[in-house]
Amino acid sequence: MARANALEDNFVLYKTVNGVRSALDIVGRKGGYGVSVPVPANTWHRLRIDFKGARFTASFNGKQMFEIEDSTFTDGGKVGLWTKADSVTLFDEINYGETK
């Protein structure tokens, strides 16, 4: 899961295993909680996650923020959308697959 949080001004990637959500470690940094980045409210933002094997590249508004290395899931999966009760969130243009 990718989350940009306007209340906390951060961008975080998570995984959920057996119903338990946990933040993923950023390559080159053990522990922590994503990255601090301004996430203005009432503004459209673009989240992008590129996958290549166990490596994920996370971008926010066109800027690469960090990379994750995690091999928990080895098969193809599904894409989901998530928002918390303390947010009003709109989603538009969900894309997946190869990009050119």
N, C-alpha and C. Protein backbone atom coordinates (compact mmCIF):
# COMPACT_ATOMS: atom_id res chain seq x y z
N MET A 1 0.84 -1.18 0.00
CA MET A 1 0.00 0.00 0.00
C MET A 1 0.88 1.23 0.00
N ALA A 2 0.48 2.23 -0.73
CA ALA A 2 1.17 3.52 -0.72
C ALA A 2 0.23 4.54 -0.09
N ARG A 3 0.78 5.39 0.77
CA ARG A 3 -0.06 6.40 1.42
C ARG A 3 0.68 7.73 1.49
N ALA A 4 0.03 8.78 1.01
CA ALA A 4 0.50 10.15 1.20
C ALA A 4 -0.47 10.78 2.19
N ASN A 5 0.05 11.26 3.30
CA ASN A 5 -0.80 11.72 4.40
C ASN A 5 -0.67 13.22 4.60
N ALA A 6 -1.75 13.96 4.35
CA ALA A 6 -1.75 15.41 4.49
C ALA A 6 -1.75 15.84 5.96
N LEU A 7 -2.22 14.98 6.86
CA LEU A 7 -2.23 15.31 8.28
C LEU A 7 -0.84 15.17 8.91
N GLU A 8 -0.05 14.21 8.41
CA GLU A 8 1.29 13.97 8.95
C GLU A 8 2.41 14.45 8.03
N ASP A 9 2.06 14.90 6.81
CA ASP A 9 3.05 15.29 5.81
C ASP A 9 4.12 14.22 5.63
N ASN A 10 3.67 13.02 5.20
CA ASN A 10 4.62 11.95 4.91
C ASN A 10 4.08 11.06 3.80
N PHE A 11 4.99 10.25 3.26
CA PHE A 11 4.69 9.30 2.19
C PHE A 11 5.30 7.97 2.63
N VAL A 12 4.46 6.93 2.72
CA VAL A 12 4.88 5.66 3.31
C VAL A 12 4.39 4.51 2.45
N LEU A 13 5.19 3.44 2.36
CA LEU A 13 4.76 2.19 1.74
C LEU A 13 4.62 1.15 2.85
N TYR A 14 3.54 0.37 2.76
CA TYR A 14 3.25 -0.67 3.74
C TYR A 14 3.06 -2.00 3.04
N LYS A 15 3.12 -3.06 3.84
CA LYS A 15 2.64 -4.37 3.40
C LYS A 15 1.68 -4.87 4.48
N THR A 16 0.76 -5.72 4.08
CA THR A 16 -0.17 -6.35 5.02
C THR A 16 -0.03 -7.85 4.87
N VAL A 17 0.32 -8.50 5.96
CA VAL A 17 0.49 -9.95 5.99
C VAL A 17 -0.39 -10.50 7.10
N ASN A 18 -1.28 -11.42 6.75
CA ASN A 18 -2.21 -12.00 7.71
C ASN A 18 -2.97 -10.94 8.50
N GLY A 19 -3.38 -9.88 7.81
CA GLY A 19 -4.17 -8.83 8.42
C GLY A 19 -3.40 -7.80 9.23
N VAL A 20 -2.07 -7.93 9.26
CA VAL A 20 -1.24 -7.00 10.04
C VAL A 20 -0.48 -6.08 9.08
N ARG A 21 -0.72 -4.77 9.20
CA ARG A 21 -0.05 -3.78 8.35
C ARG A 21 1.25 -3.34 9.01
N SER A 22 2.32 -3.22 8.19
CA SER A 22 3.60 -2.72 8.70
C SER A 22 4.28 -1.89 7.62
N ALA A 23 4.94 -0.82 8.05
CA ALA A 23 5.68 0.03 7.12
C ALA A 23 6.89 -0.74 6.59
N LEU A 24 7.23 -0.52 5.33
CA LEU A 24 8.39 -1.18 4.73
C LEU A 24 9.64 -0.33 4.91
N ASP A 25 10.76 -1.00 5.14
CA ASP A 25 12.05 -0.30 5.29
C ASP A 25 12.51 0.23 3.95
N ILE A 26 13.04 1.43 3.96
CA ILE A 26 13.61 2.06 2.77
C ILE A 26 15.00 1.51 2.54
N VAL A 27 15.36 1.23 1.29
CA VAL A 27 16.70 0.74 0.96
C VAL A 27 17.74 1.71 1.52
N GLY A 28 18.71 1.18 2.26
CA GLY A 28 19.78 2.00 2.83
C GLY A 28 19.44 2.58 4.20
N ARG A 29 18.23 2.29 4.69
CA ARG A 29 17.83 2.81 6.00
C ARG A 29 16.98 1.77 6.71
N LYS A 30 17.39 1.37 7.88
CA LYS A 30 16.63 0.37 8.65
C LYS A 30 15.69 1.10 9.60
N GLY A 31 14.43 0.69 9.61
CA GLY A 31 13.46 1.31 10.49
C GLY A 31 12.97 2.64 9.95
N GLY A 32 12.26 3.36 10.75
CA GLY A 32 11.71 4.64 10.31
C GLY A 32 10.32 4.45 9.75
N TYR A 33 9.79 5.51 9.20
CA TYR A 33 8.41 5.51 8.75
C TYR A 33 8.29 6.34 7.49
N GLY A 34 8.63 5.77 6.35
CA GLY A 34 8.53 6.49 5.08
C GLY A 34 9.43 7.72 5.06
N VAL A 35 8.98 8.75 4.34
CA VAL A 35 9.74 10.00 4.26
C VAL A 35 8.82 11.18 4.55
N SER A 36 9.39 12.22 5.10
CA SER A 36 8.65 13.46 5.32
C SER A 36 8.59 14.23 4.01
N VAL A 37 7.40 14.65 3.64
CA VAL A 37 7.20 15.42 2.42
C VAL A 37 5.90 16.21 2.58
N PRO A 38 5.89 17.47 2.16
CA PRO A 38 4.63 18.22 2.23
C PRO A 38 3.55 17.57 1.37
N VAL A 39 2.39 17.37 1.95
CA VAL A 39 1.24 16.82 1.24
C VAL A 39 0.08 17.81 1.45
N PRO A 40 0.03 18.86 0.64
CA PRO A 40 -1.03 19.86 0.82
C PRO A 40 -2.42 19.25 0.68
N ALA A 41 -3.31 19.65 1.56
CA ALA A 41 -4.69 19.20 1.49
C ALA A 41 -5.42 19.89 0.34
N ASN A 42 -6.54 19.32 -0.07
CA ASN A 42 -7.38 19.88 -1.13
C ASN A 42 -6.64 20.09 -2.44
N THR A 43 -5.71 19.20 -2.73
CA THR A 43 -4.88 19.26 -3.94
C THR A 43 -4.75 17.85 -4.51
N TRP A 44 -4.77 17.74 -5.83
CA TRP A 44 -4.52 16.45 -6.47
C TRP A 44 -3.05 16.12 -6.37
N HIS A 45 -2.74 14.86 -6.09
CA HIS A 45 -1.36 14.38 -6.02
C HIS A 45 -1.25 13.11 -6.86
N ARG A 46 -0.04 12.82 -7.30
CA ARG A 46 0.21 11.63 -8.10
C ARG A 46 1.15 10.70 -7.34
N LEU A 47 0.66 9.49 -7.06
CA LEU A 47 1.48 8.45 -6.44
C LEU A 47 1.84 7.44 -7.52
N ARG A 48 3.07 7.00 -7.53
CA ARG A 48 3.49 6.00 -8.52
C ARG A 48 4.43 5.02 -7.84
N ILE A 49 4.15 3.74 -8.08
CA ILE A 49 5.02 2.69 -7.58
C ILE A 49 5.40 1.82 -8.78
N ASP A 50 6.69 1.71 -9.04
CA ASP A 50 7.19 0.84 -10.11
C ASP A 50 7.81 -0.39 -9.45
N PHE A 51 7.51 -1.55 -10.02
CA PHE A 51 7.99 -2.81 -9.48
C PHE A 51 8.92 -3.49 -10.47
N LYS A 52 10.02 -4.01 -9.97
CA LYS A 52 10.91 -4.85 -10.77
C LYS A 52 11.46 -5.91 -9.83
N GLY A 53 10.90 -7.11 -9.92
CA GLY A 53 11.28 -8.16 -8.98
C GLY A 53 10.84 -7.75 -7.57
N ALA A 54 11.78 -7.80 -6.63
CA ALA A 54 11.49 -7.45 -5.23
C ALA A 54 11.77 -5.98 -4.93
N ARG A 55 12.13 -5.20 -5.96
CA ARG A 55 12.48 -3.78 -5.77
C ARG A 55 11.31 -2.89 -6.19
N PHE A 56 10.90 -2.00 -5.32
CA PHE A 56 9.83 -1.04 -5.60
C PHE A 56 10.42 0.36 -5.57
N THR A 57 10.09 1.15 -6.56
CA THR A 57 10.49 2.56 -6.59
C THR A 57 9.24 3.39 -6.37
N ALA A 58 9.28 4.24 -5.35
CA ALA A 58 8.11 5.04 -4.96
C ALA A 58 8.32 6.50 -5.35
N SER A 59 7.36 7.05 -6.09
CA SER A 59 7.42 8.45 -6.53
C SER A 59 6.18 9.19 -6.06
N PHE A 60 6.37 10.46 -5.75
CA PHE A 60 5.28 11.33 -5.31
C PHE A 60 5.33 12.61 -6.12
N ASN A 61 4.25 12.90 -6.83
CA ASN A 61 4.16 14.08 -7.70
C ASN A 61 5.34 14.19 -8.67
N GLY A 62 5.70 13.05 -9.26
CA GLY A 62 6.74 13.02 -10.29
C GLY A 62 8.16 12.97 -9.78
N LYS A 63 8.37 12.95 -8.47
CA LYS A 63 9.71 12.92 -7.90
C LYS A 63 9.93 11.60 -7.18
N GLN A 64 11.02 10.89 -7.57
CA GLN A 64 11.34 9.65 -6.88
C GLN A 64 11.70 9.96 -5.43
N MET A 65 11.02 9.26 -4.51
CA MET A 65 11.22 9.52 -3.09
C MET A 65 12.12 8.49 -2.42
N PHE A 66 11.94 7.20 -2.79
CA PHE A 66 12.74 6.15 -2.17
C PHE A 66 12.51 4.83 -2.88
N GLU A 67 13.33 3.83 -2.48
CA GLU A 67 13.17 2.48 -2.99
C GLU A 67 12.99 1.52 -1.82
N ILE A 68 12.25 0.47 -2.09
CA ILE A 68 11.97 -0.58 -1.12
C ILE A 68 12.43 -1.89 -1.73
N GLU A 69 12.99 -2.76 -0.91
CA GLU A 69 13.31 -4.12 -1.35
C GLU A 69 12.58 -5.06 -0.40
N ASP A 70 11.64 -5.85 -0.94
CA ASP A 70 10.86 -6.75 -0.11
C ASP A 70 10.38 -7.92 -0.97
N SER A 71 10.63 -9.13 -0.52
CA SER A 71 10.24 -10.31 -1.30
C SER A 71 9.16 -11.13 -0.60
N THR A 72 8.36 -10.49 0.22
CA THR A 72 7.29 -11.18 0.94
C THR A 72 6.33 -11.86 -0.03
N PHE A 73 5.93 -11.15 -1.08
CA PHE A 73 4.98 -11.68 -2.05
C PHE A 73 5.71 -11.94 -3.36
N THR A 74 5.65 -13.18 -3.84
CA THR A 74 6.39 -13.53 -5.05
C THR A 74 5.49 -13.69 -6.27
N ASP A 75 4.19 -13.83 -6.06
CA ASP A 75 3.26 -13.97 -7.17
C ASP A 75 2.55 -12.64 -7.44
N GLY A 76 1.95 -12.52 -8.62
CA GLY A 76 1.17 -11.34 -8.94
C GLY A 76 0.03 -11.18 -7.95
N GLY A 77 -0.39 -9.96 -7.75
CA GLY A 77 -1.45 -9.71 -6.77
C GLY A 77 -2.50 -8.78 -7.32
N LYS A 78 -3.06 -8.00 -6.43
CA LYS A 78 -4.14 -7.10 -6.79
C LYS A 78 -3.77 -5.68 -6.38
N VAL A 79 -4.47 -4.73 -6.96
CA VAL A 79 -4.31 -3.33 -6.61
C VAL A 79 -5.53 -2.93 -5.79
N GLY A 80 -5.31 -2.22 -4.69
CA GLY A 80 -6.41 -1.77 -3.85
C GLY A 80 -6.27 -0.30 -3.53
N LEU A 81 -7.37 0.33 -3.17
CA LEU A 81 -7.37 1.73 -2.77
C LEU A 81 -7.80 1.80 -1.32
N TRP A 82 -7.18 2.72 -0.58
CA TRP A 82 -7.43 2.78 0.86
C TRP A 82 -7.40 4.22 1.31
N THR A 83 -8.28 4.57 2.22
CA THR A 83 -8.25 5.87 2.86
C THR A 83 -8.67 5.68 4.32
N LYS A 84 -8.22 6.55 5.17
CA LYS A 84 -8.55 6.44 6.58
C LYS A 84 -9.78 7.30 6.89
N ALA A 85 -10.40 7.06 8.02
CA ALA A 85 -11.62 7.76 8.40
C ALA A 85 -11.39 9.25 8.63
N ASP A 86 -10.15 9.67 8.88
CA ASP A 86 -9.88 11.08 9.16
C ASP A 86 -9.57 11.86 7.88
N SER A 87 -9.81 11.25 6.72
CA SER A 87 -9.47 11.90 5.45
C SER A 87 -10.64 11.83 4.47
N VAL A 88 -10.69 12.82 3.60
CA VAL A 88 -11.57 12.75 2.44
C VAL A 88 -10.65 12.58 1.24
N THR A 89 -10.79 11.48 0.54
CA THR A 89 -9.86 11.15 -0.53
C THR A 89 -10.62 10.82 -1.80
N LEU A 90 -10.14 11.34 -2.92
CA LEU A 90 -10.70 11.03 -4.23
C LEU A 90 -9.62 10.32 -5.03
N PHE A 91 -10.02 9.34 -5.84
CA PHE A 91 -9.08 8.60 -6.68
C PHE A 91 -9.47 8.79 -8.14
N ASP A 92 -8.46 8.88 -9.02
CA ASP A 92 -8.71 9.08 -10.44
C ASP A 92 -7.55 8.44 -11.20
N GLU A 93 -7.81 7.92 -12.38
CA GLU A 93 -6.80 7.37 -13.27
C GLU A 93 -5.90 6.35 -12.61
N ILE A 94 -6.47 5.21 -12.26
CA ILE A 94 -5.71 4.10 -11.71
C ILE A 94 -5.13 3.32 -12.89
N ASN A 95 -3.82 3.24 -12.98
CA ASN A 95 -3.15 2.55 -14.09
C ASN A 95 -2.26 1.46 -13.54
N TYR A 96 -2.16 0.37 -14.29
CA TYR A 96 -1.23 -0.69 -13.93
C TYR A 96 -0.77 -1.39 -15.19
N GLY A 97 0.32 -2.09 -15.07
CA GLY A 97 0.87 -2.81 -16.22
C GLY A 97 2.10 -2.11 -16.75
N GLU A 98 2.55 -2.57 -17.88
CA GLU A 98 3.75 -2.01 -18.51
C GLU A 98 3.50 -0.58 -18.96
N THR A 99 4.50 0.28 -18.74
CA THR A 99 4.43 1.64 -19.26
C THR A 99 5.48 1.81 -20.33
N LYS A 100 5.22 2.68 -21.25
CA LYS A 100 6.18 2.89 -22.35
C LYS A 100 6.72 4.29 -22.29
